[in-house]
Amino acid sequence: MGRKYIKIFRNCVLSVICIVLVVFMIIPDYIMCFFSRNFYFREYIKGSEKIYFLGTYHNMTLDSTPYSYLNLKSVIENLRPDLLLIESRPEQLKNGNFADGPGEMLYSHLIANKLGIVVKGVDWWSDSGKNVPNSTNPTRDEYINKNILKEIPSHKKVLILMGSAHVTLEEPKLEQAGYKRGFFPETAKIKLLKVHNKKLVYPKGMTFYIKKRINYEKSCIGTVYKTDAFKKQASIVIQELNREVKVIEQTGEE
């Protein structure tokens, strides 16, 4: 009889340990997702205009956490904004360099194009003065804000996708322009981010535009990029873009 109770007790202990392990595996991801949604996904309202600002991570992939390219695709498809603003420079987009900026911007741009959504770039930086690669400063932030405010008028629903650091940097500037932060419940965020089609595939054009940017970056070394810091950064970017091309070719485009 004693052995029976010992066996039951042992099984109960093992069950508790398994439950605890599962909880500790799940909770960190949930907390990270919850934090990202609440801190980096915001809504602003001014009259009939609504702005949705979602902060991205520049190391995102098709299936990364706390959210991925597929989540960005879902937000664009579910929200169907009149205008998508991304962290790319306006003049580069006009010249057809759609891969300007972080990788998730090109992905989102192509998804929006497929849906007939207008896409505009709002970024700015220059290889001059105190500008440093992979960073921001008051001058850049001011240009970004001016570009955002220039593009928003006449659009009822705008989605802004930029690196997560820009979410907090832009909030006071948007509020100063009359855009008040609205009540954006967790349930609404989850609904917008929810992925329905989990097929891991890139939109058509990713490889083409990345290769186009690689050629552009090569042409800039020693011409547009004259400081050692920007020349070095261009070389790093080219290496990263070449790696990305290989990943996309292995995964496939639509």
Protein backbone atom coordinates (compact mmCIF):
# COMPACT_ATOMS: atom_id res chain seq x y z
CA MET A 1 0.00 0.00 0.00
CA GLY A 2 2.89 2.32 0.88
CA ARG A 3 4.49 1.76 -2.50
CA LYS A 4 1.24 2.70 -4.21
CA TYR A 5 1.11 6.08 -2.43
CA ILE A 6 4.79 6.68 -3.15
CA LYS A 7 4.14 6.06 -6.85
CA ILE A 8 1.12 8.41 -6.82
CA PHE A 9 3.14 11.07 -5.00
CA ARG A 10 6.02 10.71 -7.46
CA ASN A 11 3.67 11.06 -10.43
CA CYS A 12 2.07 14.14 -8.88
CA VAL A 13 5.49 15.73 -8.34
CA LEU A 14 6.52 14.98 -11.92
CA SER A 15 3.25 16.46 -13.20
CA VAL A 16 3.79 19.64 -11.16
CA ILE A 17 7.36 19.93 -12.46
CA CYS A 18 6.16 19.54 -16.06
CA ILE A 19 3.47 22.20 -15.56
CA VAL A 20 5.99 24.60 -14.00
CA LEU A 21 8.43 24.06 -16.89
CA VAL A 22 5.71 24.68 -19.47
CA VAL A 23 4.60 27.84 -17.65
CA PHE A 24 8.16 29.17 -17.49
CA MET A 25 8.58 28.47 -21.20
CA ILE A 26 5.35 30.23 -22.20
CA ILE A 27 5.22 33.20 -19.80
CA PRO A 28 8.40 35.00 -21.01
CA ASP A 29 7.14 34.99 -24.62
CA TYR A 30 3.70 36.17 -23.53
CA ILE A 31 5.18 38.97 -21.41
CA MET A 32 7.42 40.05 -24.30
CA CYS A 33 4.50 40.07 -26.74
CA PHE A 34 2.28 41.92 -24.26
CA PHE A 35 4.97 44.53 -23.58
CA SER A 36 5.67 45.05 -27.28
CA ARG A 37 1.99 45.44 -28.15
CA ASN A 38 1.29 47.86 -25.34
CA PHE A 39 4.44 49.92 -25.50
CA TYR A 40 5.19 49.98 -29.22
CA PHE A 41 1.71 49.87 -30.80
CA ARG A 42 -0.22 53.12 -30.35
CA GLU A 43 -3.20 54.98 -31.76
CA TYR A 44 -3.50 58.75 -32.16
CA ILE A 45 -6.61 60.72 -33.05
CA LYS A 46 -7.18 64.21 -34.43
CA GLY A 47 -10.71 64.92 -35.57
CA SER A 48 -11.55 62.29 -38.19
CA GLU A 49 -7.90 61.31 -38.67
CA LYS A 50 -6.47 58.20 -37.03
CA ILE A 51 -2.81 57.28 -36.85
CA TYR A 52 -1.63 53.80 -35.90
CA PHE A 53 2.05 53.73 -34.96
CA LEU A 54 3.71 50.31 -34.72
CA GLY A 55 7.33 50.05 -33.64
CA THR A 56 9.34 47.33 -35.39
CA TYR A 57 12.54 45.43 -34.67
CA HIS A 58 15.22 45.67 -37.32
CA ASN A 59 16.23 42.02 -36.84
CA MET A 60 12.73 40.75 -37.58
CA THR A 61 12.18 37.68 -39.78
CA LEU A 62 9.18 35.83 -41.20
CA ASP A 63 8.62 33.95 -37.93
CA SER A 64 10.47 35.97 -35.26
CA THR A 65 9.12 36.89 -31.82
CA PRO A 66 7.62 38.93 -30.19
CA TYR A 67 6.25 39.56 -33.67
CA SER A 68 7.30 38.88 -37.21
CA TYR A 69 6.97 39.90 -40.84
CA LEU A 70 3.75 37.89 -40.91
CA ASN A 71 2.37 40.04 -38.08
CA LEU A 72 3.19 43.18 -40.07
CA LYS A 73 1.41 41.65 -43.06
CA SER A 74 -1.63 40.95 -40.87
CA VAL A 75 -1.72 44.51 -39.51
CA ILE A 76 -1.60 45.96 -43.03
CA GLU A 77 -4.27 43.57 -44.32
CA ASN A 78 -6.56 43.92 -41.29
CA LEU A 79 -6.21 47.68 -40.90
CA ARG A 80 -6.27 48.56 -44.63
CA PRO A 81 -4.92 52.09 -44.08
CA ASP A 82 -5.29 54.84 -46.66
CA LEU A 83 -1.58 55.52 -46.29
CA LEU A 84 1.44 53.57 -45.06
CA LEU A 85 4.44 55.57 -43.83
CA ILE A 86 7.72 53.68 -43.48
CA GLU A 87 11.30 54.19 -42.33
CA SER A 88 12.69 54.78 -45.80
CA ARG A 89 13.90 58.04 -47.32
CA PRO A 90 11.35 59.72 -49.64
CA GLU A 91 13.88 60.48 -52.37
CA GLN A 92 15.08 56.87 -52.43
CA LEU A 93 11.54 55.53 -52.87
CA LYS A 94 10.98 58.03 -55.69
CA ASN A 95 14.09 56.63 -57.38
CA GLY A 96 12.77 53.07 -57.07
CA ASN A 97 15.14 52.03 -54.28
CA PHE A 98 12.36 50.33 -52.30
CA ALA A 99 14.88 48.43 -50.14
CA ASP A 100 16.12 51.65 -48.54
CA GLY A 101 15.91 51.32 -44.77
CA PRO A 102 15.44 48.23 -42.59
CA GLY A 103 14.38 44.95 -44.21
CA GLU A 104 10.89 44.93 -42.73
CA MET A 105 10.15 48.21 -44.54
CA LEU A 106 10.65 46.65 -47.97
CA TYR A 107 8.53 43.66 -46.96
CA SER A 108 5.71 45.94 -45.73
CA HIS A 109 6.02 48.18 -48.79
CA LEU A 110 5.49 45.25 -51.16
CA ILE A 111 2.57 43.90 -49.11
CA ALA A 112 0.92 47.34 -49.21
CA ASN A 113 1.56 47.71 -52.95
CA LYS A 114 -0.24 44.43 -53.58
CA LEU A 115 -3.28 45.82 -51.72
CA GLY A 116 -3.20 49.14 -53.57
CA ILE A 117 -2.21 51.09 -50.45
CA VAL A 118 -0.20 54.29 -50.95
CA VAL A 119 3.29 54.06 -49.42
CA LYS A 120 5.51 57.02 -48.52
CA GLY A 121 8.92 57.25 -46.90
CA VAL A 122 9.53 59.58 -43.94
CA ASP A 123 13.13 58.89 -42.95
CA TRP A 124 16.10 61.24 -43.25
CA TRP A 125 19.83 61.04 -42.62
CA SER A 126 23.02 62.36 -44.13
CA ASP A 127 26.74 61.59 -44.09
CA SER A 128 27.57 64.99 -42.67
CA GLY A 129 27.81 66.90 -39.43
CA LYS A 130 27.23 64.84 -36.29
CA ASN A 131 25.26 62.10 -38.00
CA VAL A 132 26.26 58.57 -37.02
CA PRO A 133 25.16 55.35 -38.79
CA ASN A 134 22.49 53.27 -37.03
CA SER A 135 21.52 56.05 -34.64
CA THR A 136 19.24 59.03 -34.41
CA ASN A 137 19.61 62.64 -33.30
CA PRO A 138 17.36 65.72 -32.92
CA THR A 139 17.95 66.78 -36.53
CA ARG A 140 16.91 63.43 -37.95
CA ASP A 141 13.92 63.22 -35.57
CA GLU A 142 12.76 66.67 -36.67
CA TYR A 143 12.95 65.77 -40.36
CA ILE A 144 11.04 62.54 -39.73
CA ASN A 145 8.30 64.42 -37.89
CA LYS A 146 8.00 67.03 -40.64
CA ASN A 147 7.73 64.29 -43.26
CA ILE A 148 5.04 62.50 -41.24
CA LEU A 149 2.96 65.64 -40.75
CA LYS A 150 3.37 66.58 -44.42
CA GLU A 151 1.95 63.25 -45.63
CA ILE A 152 -0.95 62.72 -43.18
CA PRO A 153 -3.43 65.44 -44.29
CA SER A 154 -6.31 64.18 -46.49
CA HIS A 155 -5.92 60.64 -45.14
CA LYS A 156 -8.40 59.24 -42.61
CA LYS A 157 -6.41 56.19 -41.52
CA VAL A 158 -2.61 56.12 -41.49
CA LEU A 159 -0.27 53.33 -40.43
CA ILE A 160 3.30 54.25 -39.48
CA LEU A 161 5.96 51.53 -39.33
CA MET A 162 9.31 52.56 -37.88
CA GLY A 163 11.92 51.18 -35.50
CA SER A 164 10.58 50.89 -31.95
CA ALA A 165 12.78 53.74 -30.65
CA HIS A 166 10.91 56.21 -32.86
CA VAL A 167 7.55 55.45 -31.20
CA THR A 168 8.42 57.32 -28.00
CA LEU A 169 10.46 59.97 -29.82
CA GLU A 170 7.56 60.93 -32.08
CA GLU A 171 4.77 60.91 -29.49
CA PRO A 172 5.39 64.42 -28.03
CA LYS A 173 5.79 65.84 -31.54
CA LEU A 174 2.51 64.28 -32.68
CA GLU A 175 0.73 65.54 -29.56
CA GLN A 176 2.13 69.01 -30.18
CA ALA A 177 0.58 68.83 -33.66
CA GLY A 178 -2.82 68.06 -32.12
CA TYR A 179 -2.86 64.25 -32.28
CA LYS A 180 -4.01 62.81 -28.97
CA ARG A 181 -3.20 59.28 -27.91
CA GLY A 182 -6.39 57.25 -28.03
CA PHE A 183 -7.65 54.27 -26.07
CA PHE A 184 -6.27 51.25 -27.90
CA PRO A 185 -7.37 48.06 -26.08
CA GLU A 186 -5.24 44.94 -25.96
CA THR A 187 -7.96 42.93 -27.71
CA ALA A 188 -7.88 45.29 -30.71
CA LYS A 189 -4.10 45.02 -30.99
CA ILE A 190 -4.20 41.23 -30.81
CA LYS A 191 -6.88 41.14 -33.51
CA LEU A 192 -4.85 43.35 -35.86
CA LEU A 193 -1.63 41.37 -35.31
CA LYS A 194 -3.21 37.92 -35.53
CA VAL A 195 -1.72 35.81 -38.32
CA HIS A 196 -4.27 33.82 -40.33
CA ASN A 197 -2.03 32.55 -43.12
CA LYS A 198 1.19 31.15 -41.62
CA LYS A 199 2.78 30.30 -44.95
CA LEU A 200 6.45 31.35 -44.76
CA VAL A 201 6.98 33.06 -48.09
CA TYR A 202 8.22 36.49 -49.15
CA PRO A 203 6.30 38.87 -51.43
CA LYS A 204 7.39 39.00 -55.05
CA GLY A 205 10.10 41.59 -55.64
CA MET A 206 12.10 41.22 -52.42
CA THR A 207 15.21 39.82 -54.14
CA PHE A 208 14.99 42.29 -57.03
CA TYR A 209 14.87 45.37 -54.80
CA ILE A 210 17.51 44.12 -52.37
CA LYS A 211 19.93 43.52 -55.25
CA LYS A 212 19.09 46.99 -56.53
CA ARG A 213 20.00 48.47 -53.16
CA ILE A 214 23.24 46.47 -53.03
CA ASN A 215 24.30 48.12 -56.31
CA TYR A 216 23.28 51.52 -54.95
CA GLU A 217 25.27 51.06 -51.72
CA LYS A 218 28.34 50.02 -53.70
CA SER A 219 28.06 53.15 -55.85
CA CYS A 220 27.84 55.36 -52.74
CA ILE A 221 31.14 54.28 -51.17
CA GLY A 222 33.57 57.14 -51.76
CA THR A 223 30.94 59.33 -53.44
CA VAL A 224 27.88 59.83 -51.23
CA TYR A 225 29.54 58.13 -48.24
CA LYS A 226 32.77 60.01 -47.65
CA THR A 227 33.42 59.46 -43.94
CA ASP A 228 35.05 56.26 -42.71
CA ALA A 229 32.05 55.51 -40.46
CA PHE A 230 29.56 55.55 -43.33
CA LYS A 231 31.89 53.68 -45.70
CA LYS A 232 32.31 50.94 -43.11
CA GLN A 233 28.58 50.84 -42.48
CA ALA A 234 27.88 50.51 -46.21
CA SER A 235 30.18 47.48 -46.40
CA ILE A 236 28.38 45.89 -43.45
CA VAL A 237 24.98 46.63 -45.02
CA ILE A 238 26.05 45.04 -48.31
CA GLN A 239 27.13 41.86 -46.49
CA GLU A 240 23.82 41.72 -44.59
CA LEU A 241 21.82 42.28 -47.77
CA ASN A 242 23.68 39.49 -49.57
CA ARG A 243 22.87 37.14 -46.68
CA GLU A 244 19.23 38.21 -46.84
CA VAL A 245 19.09 37.45 -50.56
CA LYS A 246 20.28 33.90 -49.87
CA VAL A 247 17.63 33.42 -47.17
CA ILE A 248 14.88 34.69 -49.48
CA GLU A 249 16.05 32.50 -52.36
CA GLN A 250 15.99 29.45 -50.05
CA THR A 251 12.55 30.33 -48.65
CA GLY A 252 10.96 31.54 -51.88
CA GLU A 253 8.81 34.42 -53.09
CA GLU A 254 5.12 34.41 -54.01
